[in-house]
Structure formats: C-alpha cells, structure tokens
Amino acid sequence: MSTPQNSDEFYEKLRTQLYDTASWPSEYLYKFIIKSDASKIVMVESIFDNMGAVIQTTESKNGKYTSISINVLLKNPEVVIEKYKEVAEKVEGVISL
C-alpha cells in the first residue's frame, strides 16, 4: 500500500489501526522507496535523526531505486503519522509503504 500524499482518509485509517493493534510507546517500522539519489536518502535519514532509529538501505538490482527501512520507538500513533507527513513533504517522489 502506498501513501497518497496528504490523504486525510489514509492517515485516519492508519491512526485507528495503530491504536487498535499496538500498545504505546511501541516500535514502528517505516518503509520508503525513492529513486537512488544520495541527497534524498540523507533527507529521509535526517528526519529520523537523534531518535535512536535503526536505518537500513537496500539498492534495487539495477540501482535505480533504494528502499529505506527505519525501525524506531515512538510514543504514539500521532508521531508515526507526523513522520510520514514530514517525509512526504520534504522528499520529492518518495513512496511510503
């Protein structure tokens, strides 16, 4: 499932699912796909700076795309959604999974 940019309906559904399926604070795994561009990778990583996040990047077979997995402990679903919105706003062409 990819995140439609600025979709209130998507974020409301996600918020409900997160409150229903986890006790908070909880670890959350973000997955993003972007065109392989070092500056965009750094932008995504910087959004999770100083949060104790474990970040793993994997380049596609042909090197055209990079997937970024970020595992981080967050205090509640509101923070999860804030970070999704921040990435979508700051990093052009990002796909959130």
PDB file of N, CA and C in Angstrom:
ATOM      1  N   MET A   1       0.851  -1.167   0.000  1.00  0.00           N
ATOM      2  CA  MET A   1       0.000   0.000   0.000  1.00  0.00           C
ATOM      3  C   MET A   1       0.895   1.228   0.000  1.00  0.00           C
ATOM      4  N   SER A   2       0.692   2.109  -0.921  1.00  0.00           N
ATOM      5  CA  SER A   2       1.477   3.335  -0.934  1.00  0.00           C
ATOM      6  C   SER A   2       0.639   4.467  -0.350  1.00  0.00           C
ATOM      7  N   THR A   3       1.321   5.445   0.184  1.00  0.00           N
ATOM      8  CA  THR A   3       0.640   6.547   0.854  1.00  0.00           C
ATOM      9  C   THR A   3       0.290   7.633  -0.133  1.00  0.00           C
ATOM     10  N   PRO A   4      -0.997   7.897  -0.345  1.00  0.00           N
ATOM     11  CA  PRO A   4      -1.358   9.042  -1.169  1.00  0.00           C
ATOM     12  C   PRO A   4      -0.970  10.303  -0.406  1.00  0.00           C
ATOM     13  N   GLN A   5      -0.277  11.200  -1.064  1.00  0.00           N
ATOM     14  CA  GLN A   5       0.210  12.384  -0.379  1.00  0.00           C
ATOM     15  C   GLN A   5      -0.964  13.195   0.182  1.00  0.00           C
ATOM     16  N   ASN A   6      -0.853  13.582   1.451  1.00  0.00           N
ATOM     17  CA  ASN A   6      -1.834  14.430   2.131  1.00  0.00           C
ATOM     18  C   ASN A   6      -3.239  13.837   2.136  1.00  0.00           C
ATOM     19  N   SER A   7      -3.365  12.534   2.198  1.00  0.00           N
ATOM     20  CA  SER A   7      -4.681  11.908   2.216  1.00  0.00           C
ATOM     21  C   SER A   7      -5.164  11.764   3.652  1.00  0.00           C
ATOM     22  N   ASP A   8      -6.093  12.629   4.042  1.00  0.00           N
ATOM     23  CA  ASP A   8      -6.625  12.599   5.408  1.00  0.00           C
ATOM     24  C   ASP A   8      -7.285  11.257   5.713  1.00  0.00           C
ATOM     25  N   GLU A   9      -7.979  10.712   4.729  1.00  0.00           N
ATOM     26  CA  GLU A   9      -8.650   9.425   4.922  1.00  0.00           C
ATOM     27  C   GLU A   9      -7.635   8.319   5.215  1.00  0.00           C
ATOM     28  N   PHE A  10      -6.538   8.304   4.456  1.00  0.00           N
ATOM     29  CA  PHE A  10      -5.496   7.300   4.679  1.00  0.00           C
ATOM     30  C   PHE A  10      -4.931   7.412   6.092  1.00  0.00           C
ATOM     31  N   TYR A  11      -4.606   8.623   6.509  1.00  0.00           N
ATOM     32  CA  TYR A  11      -3.991   8.814   7.823  1.00  0.00           C
ATOM     33  C   TYR A  11      -4.967   8.509   8.958  1.00  0.00           C
ATOM     34  N   GLU A  12      -6.230   8.797   8.764  1.00  0.00           N
ATOM     35  CA  GLU A  12      -7.224   8.491   9.791  1.00  0.00           C
ATOM     36  C   GLU A  12      -7.367   6.980   9.964  1.00  0.00           C
ATOM     37  N   LYS A  13      -7.378   6.259   8.846  1.00  0.00           N
ATOM     38  CA  LYS A  13      -7.457   4.795   8.899  1.00  0.00           C
ATOM     39  C   LYS A  13      -6.209   4.221   9.578  1.00  0.00           C
ATOM     40  N   LEU A  14      -5.040   4.757   9.218  1.00  0.00           N
ATOM     41  CA  LEU A  14      -3.788   4.299   9.824  1.00  0.00           C
ATOM     42  C   LEU A  14      -3.797   4.569  11.331  1.00  0.00           C
ATOM     43  N   ARG A  15      -4.237   5.749  11.729  1.00  0.00           N
ATOM     44  CA  ARG A  15      -4.300   6.120  13.150  1.00  0.00           C
ATOM     45  C   ARG A  15      -5.150   5.099  13.925  1.00  0.00           C
ATOM     46  N   THR A  16      -6.317   4.768  13.384  1.00  0.00           N
ATOM     47  CA  THR A  16      -7.212   3.805  14.028  1.00  0.00           C
ATOM     48  C   THR A  16      -6.544   2.444  14.138  1.00  0.00           C
ATOM     49  N   GLN A  17      -5.919   1.983  13.055  1.00  0.00           N
ATOM     50  CA  GLN A  17      -5.242   0.682  13.068  1.00  0.00           C
ATOM     51  C   GLN A  17      -4.119   0.650  14.098  1.00  0.00           C
ATOM     52  N   LEU A  18      -3.352   1.724  14.176  1.00  0.00           N
ATOM     53  CA  LEU A  18      -2.229   1.757  15.115  1.00  0.00           C
ATOM     54  C   LEU A  18      -2.709   1.724  16.558  1.00  0.00           C
ATOM     55  N   TYR A  19      -3.758   2.462  16.867  1.00  0.00           N
ATOM     56  CA  TYR A  19      -4.297   2.437  18.230  1.00  0.00           C
ATOM     57  C   TYR A  19      -4.880   1.071  18.569  1.00  0.00           C
ATOM     58  N   ASP A  20      -5.455   0.385  17.572  1.00  0.00           N
ATOM     59  CA  ASP A  20      -6.092  -0.905  17.808  1.00  0.00           C
ATOM     60  C   ASP A  20      -5.112  -2.068  17.920  1.00  0.00           C
ATOM     61  N   THR A  21      -3.943  -1.948  17.278  1.00  0.00           N
ATOM     62  CA  THR A  21      -3.059  -3.116  17.182  1.00  0.00           C
ATOM     63  C   THR A  21      -1.802  -3.062  18.038  1.00  0.00           C
ATOM     64  N   ALA A  22      -1.536  -1.945  18.693  1.00  0.00           N
ATOM     65  CA  ALA A  22      -0.301  -1.867  19.473  1.00  0.00           C
ATOM     66  C   ALA A  22      -0.541  -1.095  20.762  1.00  0.00           C
ATOM     67  N   SER A  23       0.278  -1.408  21.765  1.00  0.00           N
ATOM     68  CA  SER A  23       0.259  -0.596  22.979  1.00  0.00           C
ATOM     69  C   SER A  23       1.432   0.373  22.860  1.00  0.00           C
ATOM     70  N   TRP A  24       1.225   1.580  23.269  1.00  0.00           N
ATOM     71  CA  TRP A  24       2.210   2.642  23.053  1.00  0.00           C
ATOM     72  C   TRP A  24       2.842   3.073  24.354  1.00  0.00           C
ATOM     73  N   PRO A  25       4.146   3.423  24.340  1.00  0.00           N
ATOM     74  CA  PRO A  25       5.045   3.527  23.188  1.00  0.00           C
ATOM     75  C   PRO A  25       5.340   2.154  22.577  1.00  0.00           C
ATOM     76  N   SER A  26       5.668   2.172  21.285  1.00  0.00           N
ATOM     77  CA  SER A  26       5.901   0.940  20.546  1.00  0.00           C
ATOM     78  C   SER A  26       6.903   1.176  19.424  1.00  0.00           C
ATOM     79  N   GLU A  27       7.545   0.087  18.986  1.00  0.00           N
ATOM     80  CA  GLU A  27       8.423   0.189  17.819  1.00  0.00           C
ATOM     81  C   GLU A  27       7.560   0.207  16.566  1.00  0.00           C
ATOM     82  N   TYR A  28       8.000   0.987  15.588  1.00  0.00           N
ATOM     83  CA  TYR A  28       7.288   1.060  14.318  1.00  0.00           C
ATOM     84  C   TYR A  28       8.300   0.949  13.189  1.00  0.00           C
ATOM     85  N   LEU A  29       7.936   0.204  12.159  1.00  0.00           N
ATOM     86  CA  LEU A  29       8.813   0.019  11.009  1.00  0.00           C
ATOM     87  C   LEU A  29       8.266   0.791   9.818  1.00  0.00           C
ATOM     88  N   TYR A  30       9.020   1.805   9.400  1.00  0.00           N
ATOM     89  CA  TYR A  30       8.691   2.568   8.197  1.00  0.00           C
ATOM     90  C   TYR A  30       9.403   1.928   7.022  1.00  0.00           C
ATOM     91  N   LYS A  31       8.770   1.961   5.853  1.00  0.00           N
ATOM     92  CA  LYS A  31       9.418   1.530   4.612  1.00  0.00           C
ATOM     93  C   LYS A  31       9.135   2.577   3.552  1.00  0.00           C
ATOM     94  N   PHE A  32      10.205   3.044   2.938  1.00  0.00           N
ATOM     95  CA  PHE A  32      10.103   4.040   1.883  1.00  0.00           C
ATOM     96  C   PHE A  32      10.881   3.559   0.671  1.00  0.00           C
ATOM     97  N   ILE A  33      10.435   3.959  -0.511  1.00  0.00           N
ATOM     98  CA  ILE A  33      11.177   3.694  -1.747  1.00  0.00           C
ATOM     99  C   ILE A  33      11.368   5.032  -2.447  1.00  0.00           C
ATOM    100  N   ILE A  34      12.609   5.283  -2.865  1.00  0.00           N
ATOM    101  CA  ILE A  34      12.914   6.507  -3.602  1.00  0.00           C
ATOM    102  C   ILE A  34      13.859   6.173  -4.741  1.00  0.00           C
ATOM    103  N   LYS A  35      13.910   7.054  -5.737  1.00  0.00           N
ATOM    104  CA  LYS A  35      14.920   6.898  -6.776  1.00  0.00           C
ATOM    105  C   LYS A  35      16.269   7.036  -6.096  1.00  0.00           C
ATOM    106  N   SER A  36      17.229   6.219  -6.518  1.00  0.00           N
ATOM    107  CA  SER A  36      18.547   6.246  -5.893  1.00  0.00           C
ATOM    108  C   SER A  36      19.192   7.605  -6.102  1.00  0.00           C
ATOM    109  N   ASP A  37      19.234   8.368  -5.035  1.00  0.00           N
ATOM    110  CA  ASP A  37      19.793   9.713  -5.034  1.00  0.00           C
ATOM    111  C   ASP A  37      20.295   9.948  -3.612  1.00  0.00           C
ATOM    112  N   ALA A  38      21.609  10.074  -3.473  1.00  0.00           N
ATOM    113  CA  ALA A  38      22.216  10.184  -2.139  1.00  0.00           C
ATOM    114  C   ALA A  38      21.610  11.314  -1.321  1.00  0.00           C
ATOM    115  N   SER A  39      21.300  12.437  -1.954  1.00  0.00           N
ATOM    116  CA  SER A  39      20.754  13.574  -1.194  1.00  0.00           C
ATOM    117  C   SER A  39      19.361  13.253  -0.645  1.00  0.00           C
ATOM    118  N   LYS A  40      18.558  12.517  -1.407  1.00  0.00           N
ATOM    119  CA  LYS A  40      17.223  12.146  -0.928  1.00  0.00           C
ATOM    120  C   LYS A  40      17.309  11.129   0.208  1.00  0.00           C
ATOM    121  N   ILE A  41      18.257  10.209   0.102  1.00  0.00           N
ATOM    122  CA  ILE A  41      18.461   9.219   1.173  1.00  0.00           C
ATOM    123  C   ILE A  41      18.847   9.943   2.459  1.00  0.00           C
ATOM    124  N   VAL A  42      19.754  10.900   2.355  1.00  0.00           N
ATOM    125  CA  VAL A  42      20.188  11.679   3.517  1.00  0.00           C
ATOM    126  C   VAL A  42      19.014  12.464   4.096  1.00  0.00           C
ATOM    127  N   MET A  43      18.164  13.013   3.239  1.00  0.00           N
ATOM    128  CA  MET A  43      16.990  13.756   3.714  1.00  0.00           C
ATOM    129  C   MET A  43      16.081  12.870   4.563  1.00  0.00           C
ATOM    130  N   VAL A  44      15.790  11.669   4.058  1.00  0.00           N
ATOM    131  CA  VAL A  44      14.928  10.745   4.800  1.00  0.00           C
ATOM    132  C   VAL A  44      15.589  10.388   6.127  1.00  0.00           C
ATOM    133  N   GLU A  45      16.865  10.041   6.084  1.00  0.00           N
ATOM    134  CA  GLU A  45      17.574   9.667   7.304  1.00  0.00           C
ATOM    135  C   GLU A  45      17.591  10.811   8.314  1.00  0.00           C
ATOM    136  N   SER A  46      17.752  12.045   7.849  1.00  0.00           N
ATOM    137  CA  SER A  46      17.836  13.191   8.757  1.00  0.00           C
ATOM    138  C   SER A  46      16.527  13.443   9.500  1.00  0.00           C
ATOM    139  N   ILE A  47      15.412  13.064   8.906  1.00  0.00           N
ATOM    140  CA  ILE A  47      14.114  13.230   9.555  1.00  0.00           C
ATOM    141  C   ILE A  47      14.015  12.368  10.817  1.00  0.00           C
ATOM    142  N   PHE A  48      14.774  11.278  10.842  1.00  0.00           N
ATOM    143  CA  PHE A  48      14.747  10.373  11.992  1.00  0.00           C
ATOM    144  C   PHE A  48      16.004  10.491  12.853  1.00  0.00           C
ATOM    145  N   ASP A  49      16.788  11.560  12.633  1.00  0.00           N
ATOM    146  CA  ASP A  49      17.998  11.812  13.419  1.00  0.00           C
ATOM    147  C   ASP A  49      17.682  11.950  14.901  1.00  0.00           C
ATOM    148  N   ASN A  50      18.610  11.493  15.720  1.00  0.00           N
ATOM    149  CA  ASN A  50      18.524  11.645  17.178  1.00  0.00           C
ATOM    150  C   ASN A  50      17.270  11.027  17.788  1.00  0.00           C
ATOM    151  N   MET A  51      16.754   9.985  17.145  1.00  0.00           N
ATOM    152  CA  MET A  51      15.576   9.296  17.680  1.00  0.00           C
ATOM    153  C   MET A  51      15.901   7.846  18.040  1.00  0.00           C
ATOM    154  N   GLY A  52      17.157   7.446  17.861  1.00  0.00           N
ATOM    155  CA  GLY A  52      17.539   6.068  18.128  1.00  0.00           C
ATOM    156  C   GLY A  52      17.060   5.103  17.067  1.00  0.00           C
ATOM    157  N   ALA A  53      16.789   5.611  15.873  1.00  0.00           N
ATOM    158  CA  ALA A  53      16.262   4.781  14.786  1.00  0.00           C
ATOM    159  C   ALA A  53      17.348   3.885  14.199  1.00  0.00           C
ATOM    160  N   VAL A  54      16.945   2.669  13.836  1.00  0.00           N
ATOM    161  CA  VAL A  54      17.815   1.756  13.105  1.00  0.00           C
ATOM    162  C   VAL A  54      17.399   1.862  11.645  1.00  0.00           C
ATOM    163  N   ILE A  55      18.340   2.309  10.802  1.00  0.00           N
ATOM    164  CA  ILE A  55      18.027   2.584   9.399  1.00  0.00           C
ATOM    165  C   ILE A  55      18.825   1.644   8.509  1.00  0.00           C
ATOM    166  N   GLN A  56      18.115   1.016   7.573  1.00  0.00           N
ATOM    167  CA  GLN A  56      18.761   0.105   6.624  1.00  0.00           C
ATOM    168  C   GLN A  56      18.340   0.504   5.214  1.00  0.00           C
ATOM    169  N   THR A  57      19.329   0.641   4.328  1.00  0.00           N
ATOM    170  CA  THR A  57      19.021   0.960   2.938  1.00  0.00           C
ATOM    171  C   THR A  57      19.437  -0.204   2.050  1.00  0.00           C
ATOM    172  N   THR A  58      18.631  -0.445   1.026  1.00  0.00           N
ATOM    173  CA  THR A  58      18.907  -1.512   0.071  1.00  0.00           C
ATOM    174  C   THR A  58      18.649  -0.978  -1.326  1.00  0.00           C
ATOM    175  N   GLU A  59      19.664  -1.070  -2.167  1.00  0.00           N
ATOM    176  CA  GLU A  59      19.517  -0.611  -3.541  1.00  0.00           C
ATOM    177  C   GLU A  59      18.887  -1.713  -4.382  1.00  0.00           C
ATOM    178  N   SER A  60      18.050  -1.321  -5.334  1.00  0.00           N
ATOM    179  CA  SER A  60      17.432  -2.309  -6.228  1.00  0.00           C
ATOM    180  C   SER A  60      18.507  -2.970  -7.089  1.00  0.00           C
ATOM    181  N   LYS A  61      18.135  -4.068  -7.715  1.00  0.00           N
ATOM    182  CA  LYS A  61      19.080  -4.846  -8.519  1.00  0.00           C
ATOM    183  C   LYS A  61      19.762  -4.001  -9.587  1.00  0.00           C
ATOM    184  N   ASN A  62      18.992  -3.134 -10.251  1.00  0.00           N
ATOM    185  CA  ASN A  62      19.587  -2.316 -11.311  1.00  0.00           C
ATOM    186  C   ASN A  62      20.102  -0.969 -10.797  1.00  0.00           C
ATOM    187  N   GLY A  63      19.932  -0.715  -9.481  1.00  0.00           N
ATOM    188  CA  GLY A  63      20.466   0.510  -8.885  1.00  0.00           C
ATOM    189  C   GLY A  63      19.621   1.753  -9.090  1.00  0.00           C
ATOM    190  N   LYS A  64      18.455   1.602  -9.695  1.00  0.00           N
ATOM    191  CA  LYS A  64      17.620   2.757  -9.997  1.00  0.00           C
ATOM    192  C   LYS A  64      16.855   3.263  -8.762  1.00  0.00           C
ATOM    193  N   TYR A  65      16.495   2.343  -7.862  1.00  0.00           N
ATOM    194  CA  TYR A  65      15.726   2.697  -6.672  1.00  0.00           C
ATOM    195  C   TYR A  65      16.428   2.219  -5.405  1.00  0.00           C
ATOM    196  N   THR A  66      16.102   2.864  -4.299  1.00  0.00           N
ATOM    197  CA  THR A  66      16.624   2.465  -2.992  1.00  0.00           C
ATOM    198  C   THR A  66      15.450   2.344  -2.039  1.00  0.00           C
ATOM    199  N   SER A  67      15.422   1.233  -1.293  1.00  0.00           N
ATOM    200  CA  SER A  67      14.414   1.096  -0.242  1.00  0.00           C
ATOM    201  C   SER A  67      15.080   1.457   1.081  1.00  0.00           C
ATOM    202  N   ILE A  68      14.321   2.133   1.912  1.00  0.00           N
ATOM    203  CA  ILE A  68      14.827   2.553   3.213  1.00  0.00           C
ATOM    204  C   ILE A  68      13.878   2.001   4.266  1.00  0.00           C
ATOM    205  N   SER A  69      14.406   1.182   5.175  1.00  0.00           N
ATOM    206  CA  SER A  69      13.631   0.644   6.290  1.00  0.00           C
ATOM    207  C   SER A  69      14.110   1.340   7.558  1.00  0.00           C
ATOM    208  N   ILE A  70      13.173   1.845   8.331  1.00  0.00           N
ATOM    209  CA  ILE A  70      13.512   2.581   9.543  1.00  0.00           C
ATOM    210  C   ILE A  70      12.698   2.005  10.690  1.00  0.00           C
ATOM    211  N   ASN A  71      13.399   1.461  11.680  1.00  0.00           N
ATOM    212  CA  ASN A  71      12.752   0.900  12.860  1.00  0.00           C
ATOM    213  C   ASN A  71      13.033   1.845  14.021  1.00  0.00           C
ATOM    214  N   VAL A  72      11.967   2.356  14.637  1.00  0.00           N
ATOM    215  CA  VAL A  72      12.150   3.367  15.677  1.00  0.00           C
ATOM    216  C   VAL A  72      11.064   3.236  16.741  1.00  0.00           C
ATOM    217  N   LEU A  73      11.439   3.520  17.988  1.00  0.00           N
ATOM    218  CA  LEU A  73      10.494   3.513  19.095  1.00  0.00           C
ATOM    219  C   LEU A  73       9.791   4.867  19.151  1.00  0.00           C
ATOM    220  N   LEU A  74       8.466   4.830  19.064  1.00  0.00           N
ATOM    221  CA  LEU A  74       7.685   6.069  19.063  1.00  0.00           C
ATOM    222  C   LEU A  74       6.652   6.042  20.187  1.00  0.00           C
ATOM    223  N   LYS A  75       6.271   7.251  20.659  1.00  0.00           N
ATOM    224  CA  LYS A  75       5.397   7.313  21.828  1.00  0.00           C
ATOM    225  C   LYS A  75       3.926   7.078  21.522  1.00  0.00           C
ATOM    226  N   ASN A  76       3.480   7.400  20.286  1.00  0.00           N
ATOM    227  CA  ASN A  76       2.076   7.171  19.954  1.00  0.00           C
ATOM    228  C   ASN A  76       1.855   7.259  18.440  1.00  0.00           C
ATOM    229  N   PRO A  77       0.672   6.854  17.975  1.00  0.00           N
ATOM    230  CA  PRO A  77       0.384   6.890  16.533  1.00  0.00           C
ATOM    231  C   PRO A  77       0.461   8.280  15.917  1.00  0.00           C
ATOM    232  N   GLU A  78       0.240   9.318  16.710  1.00  0.00           N
ATOM    233  CA  GLU A  78       0.323  10.682  16.175  1.00  0.00           C
ATOM    234  C   GLU A  78       1.725  10.973  15.652  1.00  0.00           C
ATOM    235  N   VAL A  79       2.745  10.480  16.366  1.00  0.00           N
ATOM    236  CA  VAL A  79       4.132  10.693  15.939  1.00  0.00           C
ATOM    237  C   VAL A  79       4.409   9.899  14.662  1.00  0.00           C
ATOM    238  N   VAL A  80       3.858   8.693  14.565  1.00  0.00           N
ATOM    239  CA  VAL A  80       4.013   7.879  13.355  1.00  0.00           C
ATOM    240  C   VAL A  80       3.516   8.671  12.147  1.00  0.00           C
ATOM    241  N   ILE A  81       2.330   9.233  12.271  1.00  0.00           N
ATOM    242  CA  ILE A  81       1.721   9.972  11.167  1.00  0.00           C
ATOM    243  C   ILE A  81       2.467  11.266  10.874  1.00  0.00           C
ATOM    244  N   GLU A  82       2.918  11.968  11.911  1.00  0.00           N
ATOM    245  CA  GLU A  82       3.710  13.189  11.712  1.00  0.00           C
ATOM    246  C   GLU A  82       4.944  12.909  10.860  1.00  0.00           C
ATOM    247  N   LYS A  83       5.618  11.789  11.144  1.00  0.00           N
ATOM    248  CA  LYS A  83       6.840  11.452  10.399  1.00  0.00           C
ATOM    249  C   LYS A  83       6.516  11.100   8.950  1.00  0.00           C
ATOM    250  N   TYR A  84       5.429  10.360   8.721  1.00  0.00           N
ATOM    251  CA  TYR A  84       5.029  10.073   7.341  1.00  0.00           C
ATOM    252  C   TYR A  84       4.786  11.372   6.578  1.00  0.00           C
ATOM    253  N   LYS A  85       4.067  12.301   7.194  1.00  0.00           N
ATOM    254  CA  LYS A  85       3.761  13.567   6.540  1.00  0.00           C
ATOM    255  C   LYS A  85       5.031  14.381   6.293  1.00  0.00           C
ATOM    256  N   GLU A  86       5.948  14.366   7.258  1.00  0.00           N
ATOM    257  CA  GLU A  86       7.196  15.119   7.107  1.00  0.00           C
ATOM    258  C   GLU A  86       8.028  14.579   5.947  1.00  0.00           C
ATOM    259  N   VAL A  87       8.123  13.255   5.839  1.00  0.00           N
ATOM    260  CA  VAL A  87       8.867  12.653   4.727  1.00  0.00           C
ATOM    261  C   VAL A  87       8.208  13.005   3.399  1.00  0.00           C
ATOM    262  N   ALA A  88       6.879  12.884   3.315  1.00  0.00           N
ATOM    263  CA  ALA A  88       6.158  13.178   2.075  1.00  0.00           C
ATOM    264  C   ALA A  88       6.337  14.645   1.668  1.00  0.00           C
ATOM    265  N   GLU A  89       6.406  15.518   2.653  1.00  0.00           N
ATOM    266  CA  GLU A  89       6.529  16.955   2.389  1.00  0.00           C
ATOM    267  C   GLU A  89       7.950  17.339   1.955  1.00  0.00           C
ATOM    268  N   LYS A  90       8.958  16.692   2.553  1.00  0.00           N
ATOM    269  CA  LYS A  90      10.344  17.118   2.329  1.00  0.00           C
ATOM    270  C   LYS A  90      11.070  16.361   1.212  1.00  0.00           C
ATOM    271  N   VAL A  91      10.625  15.153   0.904  1.00  0.00           N
ATOM    272  CA  VAL A  91      11.346  14.315  -0.061  1.00  0.00           C
ATOM    273  C   VAL A  91      10.453  14.062  -1.270  1.00  0.00           C
ATOM    274  N   GLU A  92      10.824  14.704  -2.374  1.00  0.00           N
ATOM    275  CA  GLU A  92      10.043  14.588  -3.601  1.00  0.00           C
ATOM    276  C   GLU A  92      10.126  13.168  -4.168  1.00  0.00           C
ATOM    277  N   GLY A  93       8.972  12.637  -4.567  1.00  0.00           N
ATOM    278  CA  GLY A  93       8.927  11.347  -5.242  1.00  0.00           C
ATOM    279  C   GLY A  93       9.022  10.142  -4.336  1.00  0.00           C
ATOM    280  N   VAL A  94       8.926  10.330  -3.031  1.00  0.00           N
ATOM    281  CA  VAL A  94       9.023   9.195  -2.105  1.00  0.00           C
ATOM    282  C   VAL A  94       7.735   8.382  -2.150  1.00  0.00           C
ATOM    283  N   ILE A  95       7.886   7.062  -2.035  1.00  0.00           N
ATOM    284  CA  ILE A  95       6.746   6.146  -1.934  1.00  0.00           C
ATOM    285  C   ILE A  95       6.807   5.555  -0.543  1.00  0.00           C
ATOM    286  N   SER A  96       5.715   5.696   0.199  1.00  0.00           N
ATOM    287  CA  SER A  96       5.631   5.132   1.546  1.00  0.00           C
ATOM    288  C   SER A  96       4.867   3.831   1.470  1.00  0.00           C
ATOM    289  N   LEU A  97       5.400   2.806   2.120  1.00  0.00           N
ATOM    290  CA  LEU A  97       4.734   1.504   2.115  1.00  0.00           C
ATOM    291  C   LEU A  97       4.211   1.182   3.491  1.00  0.00           C
TER     292      LEU A  97
END
